[in-house]
Amino acid sequence: MQPNNENHAVGEDSALHTRHNIALYHRDHMRFNATLLLEIAADISREANRLKVFGTIGSVSRSRSQPLPSTPPTRAAPHAVAAI
């Protein structure tokens, strides 16, 4: 009995095609994960910048509306002192 070279070639071609599909899937998966991480990092950066801007605006408006206290603040608040 002679081995069928045609079937063997088809099997190799199928295996090669399968490996190619796996490689494409893996590459797309890695690209998606990298893009997702970059998008999350960009969102966090934008949120941090937004909070910095709002914090700056809030501190400027508070400093304009409220005069500075004449006495420095104490470390212990009155409600933090234990009753004896």
PDB file of N, CA and C in Angstrom:
ATOM      1  N   MET A   1       0.838  -1.173   0.000  1.00  0.00           N
ATOM      2  CA  MET A   1       0.000   0.000   0.000  1.00  0.00           C
ATOM      3  C   MET A   1       0.885   1.237   0.000  1.00  0.00           C
ATOM      4  N   GLN A   2       0.617   2.126  -0.885  1.00  0.00           N
ATOM      5  CA  GLN A   2       1.361   3.370  -1.015  1.00  0.00           C
ATOM      6  C   GLN A   2       0.710   4.443  -0.133  1.00  0.00           C
ATOM      7  N   PRO A   3       1.524   5.229   0.605  1.00  0.00           N
ATOM      8  CA  PRO A   3       0.915   6.325   1.377  1.00  0.00           C
ATOM      9  C   PRO A   3       0.371   7.387   0.440  1.00  0.00           C
ATOM     10  N   ASN A   4      -0.716   7.941   0.832  1.00  0.00           N
ATOM     11  CA  ASN A   4      -1.360   8.960   0.005  1.00  0.00           C
ATOM     12  C   ASN A   4      -0.739  10.315   0.335  1.00  0.00           C
ATOM     13  N   ASN A   5       0.136  10.797  -0.511  1.00  0.00           N
ATOM     14  CA  ASN A   5       0.813  12.073  -0.297  1.00  0.00           C
ATOM     15  C   ASN A   5      -0.151  13.243  -0.373  1.00  0.00           C
ATOM     16  N   GLU A   6      -1.208  13.080  -1.145  1.00  0.00           N
ATOM     17  CA  GLU A   6      -2.171  14.174  -1.288  1.00  0.00           C
ATOM     18  C   GLU A   6      -2.881  14.438   0.038  1.00  0.00           C
ATOM     19  N   ASN A   7      -3.308  13.401   0.732  1.00  0.00           N
ATOM     20  CA  ASN A   7      -3.975  13.570   2.024  1.00  0.00           C
ATOM     21  C   ASN A   7      -3.017  14.135   3.060  1.00  0.00           C
ATOM     22  N   HIS A   8      -1.763  13.705   3.016  1.00  0.00           N
ATOM     23  CA  HIS A   8      -0.768  14.215   3.952  1.00  0.00           C
ATOM     24  C   HIS A   8      -0.556  15.712   3.729  1.00  0.00           C
ATOM     25  N   ALA A   9      -0.516  16.145   2.491  1.00  0.00           N
ATOM     26  CA  ALA A   9      -0.332  17.567   2.178  1.00  0.00           C
ATOM     27  C   ALA A   9      -1.544  18.373   2.626  1.00  0.00           C
ATOM     28  N   VAL A  10      -2.723  17.805   2.462  1.00  0.00           N
ATOM     29  CA  VAL A  10      -3.934  18.499   2.895  1.00  0.00           C
ATOM     30  C   VAL A  10      -3.931  18.640   4.413  1.00  0.00           C
ATOM     31  N   GLY A  11      -3.491  17.624   5.129  1.00  0.00           N
ATOM     32  CA  GLY A  11      -3.416  17.682   6.581  1.00  0.00           C
ATOM     33  C   GLY A  11      -2.429  18.734   7.047  1.00  0.00           C
ATOM     34  N   GLU A  12      -1.279  18.827   6.385  1.00  0.00           N
ATOM     35  CA  GLU A  12      -0.296  19.856   6.731  1.00  0.00           C
ATOM     36  C   GLU A  12      -0.837  21.243   6.435  1.00  0.00           C
ATOM     37  N   ASP A  13      -1.535  21.356   5.309  1.00  0.00           N
ATOM     38  CA  ASP A  13      -2.114  22.650   4.940  1.00  0.00           C
ATOM     39  C   ASP A  13      -3.168  23.067   5.961  1.00  0.00           C
ATOM     40  N   SER A  14      -3.958  22.110   6.422  1.00  0.00           N
ATOM     41  CA  SER A  14      -4.984  22.402   7.415  1.00  0.00           C
ATOM     42  C   SER A  14      -4.340  22.819   8.744  1.00  0.00           C
ATOM     43  N   ALA A  15      -3.275  22.128   9.140  1.00  0.00           N
ATOM     44  CA  ALA A  15      -2.578  22.478  10.377  1.00  0.00           C
ATOM     45  C   ALA A  15      -1.946  23.860  10.261  1.00  0.00           C
ATOM     46  N   LEU A  16      -1.371  24.150   9.105  1.00  0.00           N
ATOM     47  CA  LEU A  16      -0.768  25.467   8.886  1.00  0.00           C
ATOM     48  C   LEU A  16      -1.836  26.561   8.934  1.00  0.00           C
ATOM     49  N   HIS A  17      -2.980  26.285   8.321  1.00  0.00           N
ATOM     50  CA  HIS A  17      -4.088  27.241   8.332  1.00  0.00           C
ATOM     51  C   HIS A  17      -4.581  27.466   9.773  1.00  0.00           C
ATOM     52  N   THR A  18      -4.663  26.396  10.550  1.00  0.00           N
ATOM     53  CA  THR A  18      -5.100  26.505  11.942  1.00  0.00           C
ATOM     54  C   THR A  18      -4.117  27.338  12.752  1.00  0.00           C
ATOM     55  N   ARG A  19      -2.821  27.077  12.579  1.00  0.00           N
ATOM     56  CA  ARG A  19      -1.805  27.862  13.290  1.00  0.00           C
ATOM     57  C   ARG A  19      -1.873  29.331  12.894  1.00  0.00           C
ATOM     58  N   HIS A  20      -2.104  29.583  11.625  1.00  0.00           N
ATOM     59  CA  HIS A  20      -2.218  30.967  11.147  1.00  0.00           C
ATOM     60  C   HIS A  20      -3.407  31.663  11.816  1.00  0.00           C
ATOM     61  N   ASN A  21      -4.537  30.961  11.894  1.00  0.00           N
ATOM     62  CA  ASN A  21      -5.720  31.541  12.537  1.00  0.00           C
ATOM     63  C   ASN A  21      -5.467  31.815  14.019  1.00  0.00           C
ATOM     64  N   ILE A  22      -4.779  30.903  14.688  1.00  0.00           N
ATOM     65  CA  ILE A  22      -4.465  31.104  16.107  1.00  0.00           C
ATOM     66  C   ILE A  22      -3.552  32.309  16.279  1.00  0.00           C
ATOM     67  N   ALA A  23      -2.556  32.439  15.401  1.00  0.00           N
ATOM     68  CA  ALA A  23      -1.641  33.581  15.482  1.00  0.00           C
ATOM     69  C   ALA A  23      -2.385  34.892  15.253  1.00  0.00           C
ATOM     70  N   LEU A  24      -3.299  34.912  14.286  1.00  0.00           N
ATOM     71  CA  LEU A  24      -4.083  36.128  14.032  1.00  0.00           C
ATOM     72  C   LEU A  24      -4.958  36.470  15.235  1.00  0.00           C
ATOM     73  N   TYR A  25      -5.600  35.449  15.808  1.00  0.00           N
ATOM     74  CA  TYR A  25      -6.443  35.681  16.976  1.00  0.00           C
ATOM     75  C   TYR A  25      -5.603  36.219  18.128  1.00  0.00           C
ATOM     76  N   HIS A  26      -4.437  35.612  18.354  1.00  0.00           N
ATOM     77  CA  HIS A  26      -3.567  36.039  19.451  1.00  0.00           C
ATOM     78  C   HIS A  26      -3.116  37.482  19.248  1.00  0.00           C
ATOM     79  N   ARG A  27      -2.735  37.831  18.025  1.00  0.00           N
ATOM     80  CA  ARG A  27      -2.289  39.197  17.747  1.00  0.00           C
ATOM     81  C   ARG A  27      -3.423  40.192  17.974  1.00  0.00           C
ATOM     82  N   ASP A  28      -4.618  39.872  17.498  1.00  0.00           N
ATOM     83  CA  ASP A  28      -5.763  40.765  17.713  1.00  0.00           C
ATOM     84  C   ASP A  28      -6.105  40.875  19.199  1.00  0.00           C
ATOM     85  N   HIS A  29      -6.002  39.771  19.916  1.00  0.00           N
ATOM     86  CA  HIS A  29      -6.282  39.765  21.350  1.00  0.00           C
ATOM     87  C   HIS A  29      -5.286  40.655  22.090  1.00  0.00           C
ATOM     88  N   MET A  30      -4.017  40.544  21.757  1.00  0.00           N
ATOM     89  CA  MET A  30      -2.989  41.365  22.399  1.00  0.00           C
ATOM     90  C   MET A  30      -3.180  42.839  22.049  1.00  0.00           C
ATOM     91  N   ARG A  31      -3.539  43.124  20.812  1.00  0.00           N
ATOM     92  CA  ARG A  31      -3.785  44.509  20.399  1.00  0.00           C
ATOM     93  C   ARG A  31      -4.972  45.083  21.164  1.00  0.00           C
ATOM     94  N   PHE A  32      -6.036  44.295  21.313  1.00  0.00           N
ATOM     95  CA  PHE A  32      -7.210  44.743  22.063  1.00  0.00           C
ATOM     96  C   PHE A  32      -6.838  45.049  23.509  1.00  0.00           C
ATOM     97  N   ASN A  33      -6.088  44.134  24.147  1.00  0.00           N
ATOM     98  CA  ASN A  33      -5.708  44.349  25.545  1.00  0.00           C
ATOM     99  C   ASN A  33      -4.828  45.580  25.699  1.00  0.00           C
ATOM    100  N   ALA A  34      -3.891  45.780  24.777  1.00  0.00           N
ATOM    101  CA  ALA A  34      -3.016  46.956  24.851  1.00  0.00           C
ATOM    102  C   ALA A  34      -3.828  48.233  24.661  1.00  0.00           C
ATOM    103  N   THR A  35      -4.744  48.216  23.724  1.00  0.00           N
ATOM    104  CA  THR A  35      -5.581  49.386  23.473  1.00  0.00           C
ATOM    105  C   THR A  35      -6.482  49.662  24.671  1.00  0.00           C
ATOM    106  N   LEU A  36      -7.027  48.618  25.257  1.00  0.00           N
ATOM    107  CA  LEU A  36      -7.899  48.782  26.419  1.00  0.00           C
ATOM    108  C   LEU A  36      -7.139  49.423  27.576  1.00  0.00           C
ATOM    109  N   LEU A  37      -5.917  48.947  27.827  1.00  0.00           N
ATOM    110  CA  LEU A  37      -5.119  49.524  28.912  1.00  0.00           C
ATOM    111  C   LEU A  37      -4.790  50.986  28.636  1.00  0.00           C
ATOM    112  N   LEU A  38      -4.484  51.314  27.385  1.00  0.00           N
ATOM    113  CA  LEU A  38      -4.193  52.708  27.043  1.00  0.00           C
ATOM    114  C   LEU A  38      -5.430  53.588  27.216  1.00  0.00           C
ATOM    115  N   GLU A  39      -6.595  53.071  26.842  1.00  0.00           N
ATOM    116  CA  GLU A  39      -7.829  53.840  27.009  1.00  0.00           C
ATOM    117  C   GLU A  39      -8.131  54.071  28.489  1.00  0.00           C
ATOM    118  N   ILE A  40      -7.923  53.058  29.310  1.00  0.00           N
ATOM    119  CA  ILE A  40      -8.154  53.207  30.749  1.00  0.00           C
ATOM    120  C   ILE A  40      -7.186  54.228  31.335  1.00  0.00           C
ATOM    121  N   ALA A  41      -5.919  54.148  30.924  1.00  0.00           N
ATOM    122  CA  ALA A  41      -4.923  55.110  31.418  1.00  0.00           C
ATOM    123  C   ALA A  41      -5.279  56.529  30.993  1.00  0.00           C
ATOM    124  N   ALA A  42      -5.753  56.695  29.760  1.00  0.00           N
ATOM    125  CA  ALA A  42      -6.143  58.025  29.289  1.00  0.00           C
ATOM    126  C   ALA A  42      -7.346  58.543  30.070  1.00  0.00           C
ATOM    127  N   ASP A  43      -8.311  57.670  30.358  1.00  0.00           N
ATOM    128  CA  ASP A  43      -9.479  58.077  31.150  1.00  0.00           C
ATOM    129  C   ASP A  43      -9.067  58.509  32.558  1.00  0.00           C
ATOM    130  N   ILE A  44      -8.173  57.751  33.171  1.00  0.00           N
ATOM    131  CA  ILE A  44      -7.711  58.103  34.518  1.00  0.00           C
ATOM    132  C   ILE A  44      -6.972  59.429  34.494  1.00  0.00           C
ATOM    133  N   SER A  45      -6.148  59.630  33.470  1.00  0.00           N
ATOM    134  CA  SER A  45      -5.397  60.885  33.360  1.00  0.00           C
ATOM    135  C   SER A  45      -6.339  62.071  33.179  1.00  0.00           C
ATOM    136  N   ARG A  46      -7.339  61.909  32.320  1.00  0.00           N
ATOM    137  CA  ARG A  46      -8.308  62.995  32.109  1.00  0.00           C
ATOM    138  C   ARG A  46      -9.072  63.298  33.393  1.00  0.00           C
ATOM    139  N   GLU A  47      -9.463  62.257  34.121  1.00  0.00           N
ATOM    140  CA  GLU A  47     -10.196  62.451  35.372  1.00  0.00           C
ATOM    141  C   GLU A  47      -9.321  63.165  36.401  1.00  0.00           C
ATOM    142  N   ALA A  48      -8.051  62.774  36.487  1.00  0.00           N
ATOM    143  CA  ALA A  48      -7.139  63.429  37.431  1.00  0.00           C
ATOM    144  C   ALA A  48      -6.955  64.899  37.069  1.00  0.00           C
ATOM    145  N   ASN A  49      -6.805  65.187  35.790  1.00  0.00           N
ATOM    146  CA  ASN A  49      -6.657  66.583  35.369  1.00  0.00           C
ATOM    147  C   ASN A  49      -7.922  67.383  35.652  1.00  0.00           C
ATOM    148  N   ARG A  50      -9.076  66.757  35.445  1.00  0.00           N
ATOM    149  CA  ARG A  50     -10.344  67.436  35.721  1.00  0.00           C
ATOM    150  C   ARG A  50     -10.454  67.755  37.207  1.00  0.00           C
ATOM    151  N   LEU A  51     -10.073  66.806  38.057  1.00  0.00           N
ATOM    152  CA  LEU A  51     -10.138  67.039  39.499  1.00  0.00           C
ATOM    153  C   LEU A  51      -9.148  68.112  39.933  1.00  0.00           C
ATOM    154  N   LYS A  52      -7.978  68.156  39.314  1.00  0.00           N
ATOM    155  CA  LYS A  52      -7.007  69.208  39.634  1.00  0.00           C
ATOM    156  C   LYS A  52      -7.576  70.573  39.295  1.00  0.00           C
ATOM    157  N   VAL A  53      -8.222  70.676  38.132  1.00  0.00           N
ATOM    158  CA  VAL A  53      -8.803  71.953  37.713  1.00  0.00           C
ATOM    159  C   VAL A  53      -9.895  72.364  38.678  1.00  0.00           C
ATOM    160  N   PHE A  54     -10.786  71.433  39.037  1.00  0.00           N
ATOM    161  CA  PHE A  54     -11.858  71.774  39.963  1.00  0.00           C
ATOM    162  C   PHE A  54     -11.302  72.112  41.333  1.00  0.00           C
ATOM    163  N   GLY A  55     -10.257  71.423  41.770  1.00  0.00           N
ATOM    164  CA  GLY A  55      -9.637  71.737  43.052  1.00  0.00           C
ATOM    165  C   GLY A  55      -9.026  73.122  43.042  1.00  0.00           C
ATOM    166  N   THR A  56      -8.401  73.497  41.947  1.00  0.00           N
ATOM    167  CA  THR A  56      -7.802  74.827  41.826  1.00  0.00           C
ATOM    168  C   THR A  56      -8.878  75.897  41.807  1.00  0.00           C
ATOM    169  N   ILE A  57      -9.939  75.677  41.064  1.00  0.00           N
ATOM    170  CA  ILE A  57     -11.034  76.652  41.000  1.00  0.00           C
ATOM    171  C   ILE A  57     -11.668  76.800  42.375  1.00  0.00           C
ATOM    172  N   GLY A  58     -11.884  75.687  43.074  1.00  0.00           N
ATOM    173  CA  GLY A  58     -12.491  75.743  44.400  1.00  0.00           C
ATOM    174  C   GLY A  58     -11.622  76.470  45.400  1.00  0.00           C
ATOM    175  N   SER A  59     -10.316  76.238  45.365  1.00  0.00           N
ATOM    176  CA  SER A  59      -9.440  76.908  46.332  1.00  0.00           C
ATOM    177  C   SER A  59      -9.338  78.395  46.037  1.00  0.00           C
ATOM    178  N   VAL A  60      -9.373  78.782  44.773  1.00  0.00           N
ATOM    179  CA  VAL A  60      -9.327  80.207  44.422  1.00  0.00           C
ATOM    180  C   VAL A  60     -10.606  80.891  44.875  1.00  0.00           C
ATOM    181  N   SER A  61     -11.751  80.268  44.656  1.00  0.00           N
ATOM    182  CA  SER A  61     -13.013  80.901  45.055  1.00  0.00           C
ATOM    183  C   SER A  61     -13.127  80.967  46.575  1.00  0.00           C
ATOM    184  N   ARG A  62     -12.640  79.949  47.295  1.00  0.00           N
ATOM    185  CA  ARG A  62     -12.676  79.986  48.759  1.00  0.00           C
ATOM    186  C   ARG A  62     -11.747  81.066  49.291  1.00  0.00           C
ATOM    187  N   SER A  63     -10.580  81.204  48.692  1.00  0.00           N
ATOM    188  CA  SER A  63      -9.634  82.201  49.197  1.00  0.00           C
ATOM    189  C   SER A  63     -10.146  83.616  48.951  1.00  0.00           C
ATOM    190  N   ARG A  64     -10.936  83.810  47.930  1.00  0.00           N
ATOM    191  CA  ARG A  64     -11.482  85.145  47.665  1.00  0.00           C
ATOM    192  C   ARG A  64     -12.653  85.460  48.578  1.00  0.00           C
ATOM    193  N   SER A  65     -13.445  84.449  48.935  1.00  0.00           N
ATOM    194  CA  SER A  65     -14.655  84.707  49.715  1.00  0.00           C
ATOM    195  C   SER A  65     -14.408  84.683  51.220  1.00  0.00           C
ATOM    196  N   GLN A  66     -13.396  83.965  51.681  1.00  0.00           N
ATOM    197  CA  GLN A  66     -13.163  83.846  53.119  1.00  0.00           C
ATOM    198  C   GLN A  66     -11.808  84.454  53.468  1.00  0.00           C
ATOM    199  N   PRO A  67     -11.793  85.333  54.461  1.00  0.00           N
ATOM    200  CA  PRO A  67     -10.499  85.878  54.889  1.00  0.00           C
ATOM    201  C   PRO A  67      -9.695  84.809  55.626  1.00  0.00           C
ATOM    202  N   LEU A  68      -8.401  84.990  55.674  1.00  0.00           N
ATOM    203  CA  LEU A  68      -7.551  84.053  56.391  1.00  0.00           C
ATOM    204  C   LEU A  68      -7.827  84.145  57.882  1.00  0.00           C
ATOM    205  N   PRO A  69      -7.777  83.038  58.606  1.00  0.00           N
ATOM    206  CA  PRO A  69      -8.006  83.087  60.052  1.00  0.00           C
ATOM    207  C   PRO A  69      -6.868  83.847  60.735  1.00  0.00           C
ATOM    208  N   SER A  70      -7.211  84.559  61.824  1.00  0.00           N
ATOM    209  CA  SER A  70      -6.206  85.360  62.520  1.00  0.00           C
ATOM    210  C   SER A  70      -5.317  84.499  63.406  1.00  0.00           C
ATOM    211  N   THR A  71      -5.830  83.355  63.861  1.00  0.00           N
ATOM    212  CA  THR A  71      -5.016  82.465  64.692  1.00  0.00           C
ATOM    213  C   THR A  71      -4.746  81.184  63.913  1.00  0.00           C
ATOM    214  N   PRO A  72      -3.583  80.623  64.093  1.00  0.00           N
ATOM    215  CA  PRO A  72      -3.296  79.374  63.377  1.00  0.00           C
ATOM    216  C   PRO A  72      -4.159  78.242  63.916  1.00  0.00           C
ATOM    217  N   PRO A  73      -4.522  77.309  63.088  1.00  0.00           N
ATOM    218  CA  PRO A  73      -5.352  76.194  63.557  1.00  0.00           C
ATOM    219  C   PRO A  73      -4.564  75.309  64.515  1.00  0.00           C
ATOM    220  N   THR A  74      -5.285  74.738  65.485  1.00  0.00           N
ATOM    221  CA  THR A  74      -4.648  73.834  66.444  1.00  0.00           C
ATOM    222  C   THR A  74      -4.685  72.423  65.891  1.00  0.00           C
ATOM    223  N   ARG A  75      -3.836  71.583  66.455  1.00  0.00           N
ATOM    224  CA  ARG A  75      -3.790  70.202  65.977  1.00  0.00           C
ATOM    225  C   ARG A  75      -5.008  69.407  66.441  1.00  0.00           C
ATOM    226  N   ALA A  76      -5.475  69.664  67.648  1.00  0.00           N
ATOM    227  CA  ALA A  76      -6.602  68.907  68.185  1.00  0.00           C
ATOM    228  C   ALA A  76      -7.863  69.745  68.063  1.00  0.00           C
ATOM    229  N   ALA A  77      -8.850  69.187  67.435  1.00  0.00           N
ATOM    230  CA  ALA A  77     -10.136  69.860  67.337  1.00  0.00           C
ATOM    231  C   ALA A  77     -10.852  69.724  68.677  1.00  0.00           C
ATOM    232  N   PRO A  78     -11.733  70.672  69.028  1.00  0.00           N
ATOM    233  CA  PRO A  78     -12.427  70.599  70.328  1.00  0.00           C
ATOM    234  C   PRO A  78     -13.185  69.298  70.515  1.00  0.00           C
ATOM    235  N   HIS A  79     -13.775  68.772  69.472  1.00  0.00           N
ATOM    236  CA  HIS A  79     -14.545  67.540  69.627  1.00  0.00           C
ATOM    237  C   HIS A  79     -13.635  66.318  69.750  1.00  0.00           C
ATOM    238  N   ALA A  80     -12.334  66.475  69.453  1.00  0.00           N
ATOM    239  CA  ALA A  80     -11.413  65.346  69.546  1.00  0.00           C
ATOM    240  C   ALA A  80     -10.828  65.190  70.944  1.00  0.00           C
ATOM    241  N   VAL A  81     -10.957  66.203  71.799  1.00  0.00           N
ATOM    242  CA  VAL A  81     -10.415  66.139  73.155  1.00  0.00           C
ATOM    243  C   VAL A  81     -11.357  65.296  74.008  1.00  0.00           C
ATOM    244  N   ALA A  82     -10.797  64.311  74.695  1.00  0.00           N
ATOM    245  CA  ALA A  82     -11.624  63.407  75.505  1.00  0.00           C
ATOM    246  C   ALA A  82     -12.070  64.108  76.781  1.00  0.00           C
ATOM    247  N   ALA A  83     -13.286  63.848  77.190  1.00  0.00           N
ATOM    248  CA  ALA A  83     -13.811  64.417  78.442  1.00  0.00           C
ATOM    249  C   ALA A  83     -13.253  63.627  79.613  1.00  0.00           C
ATOM    250  N   ILE A  84     -12.861  64.353  80.655  1.00  0.00           N
ATOM    251  CA  ILE A  84     -12.275  63.684  81.832  1.00  0.00           C
ATOM    252  C   ILE A  84     -13.321  63.510  82.895  1.00  0.00           C
TER     253      ILE A  84
END
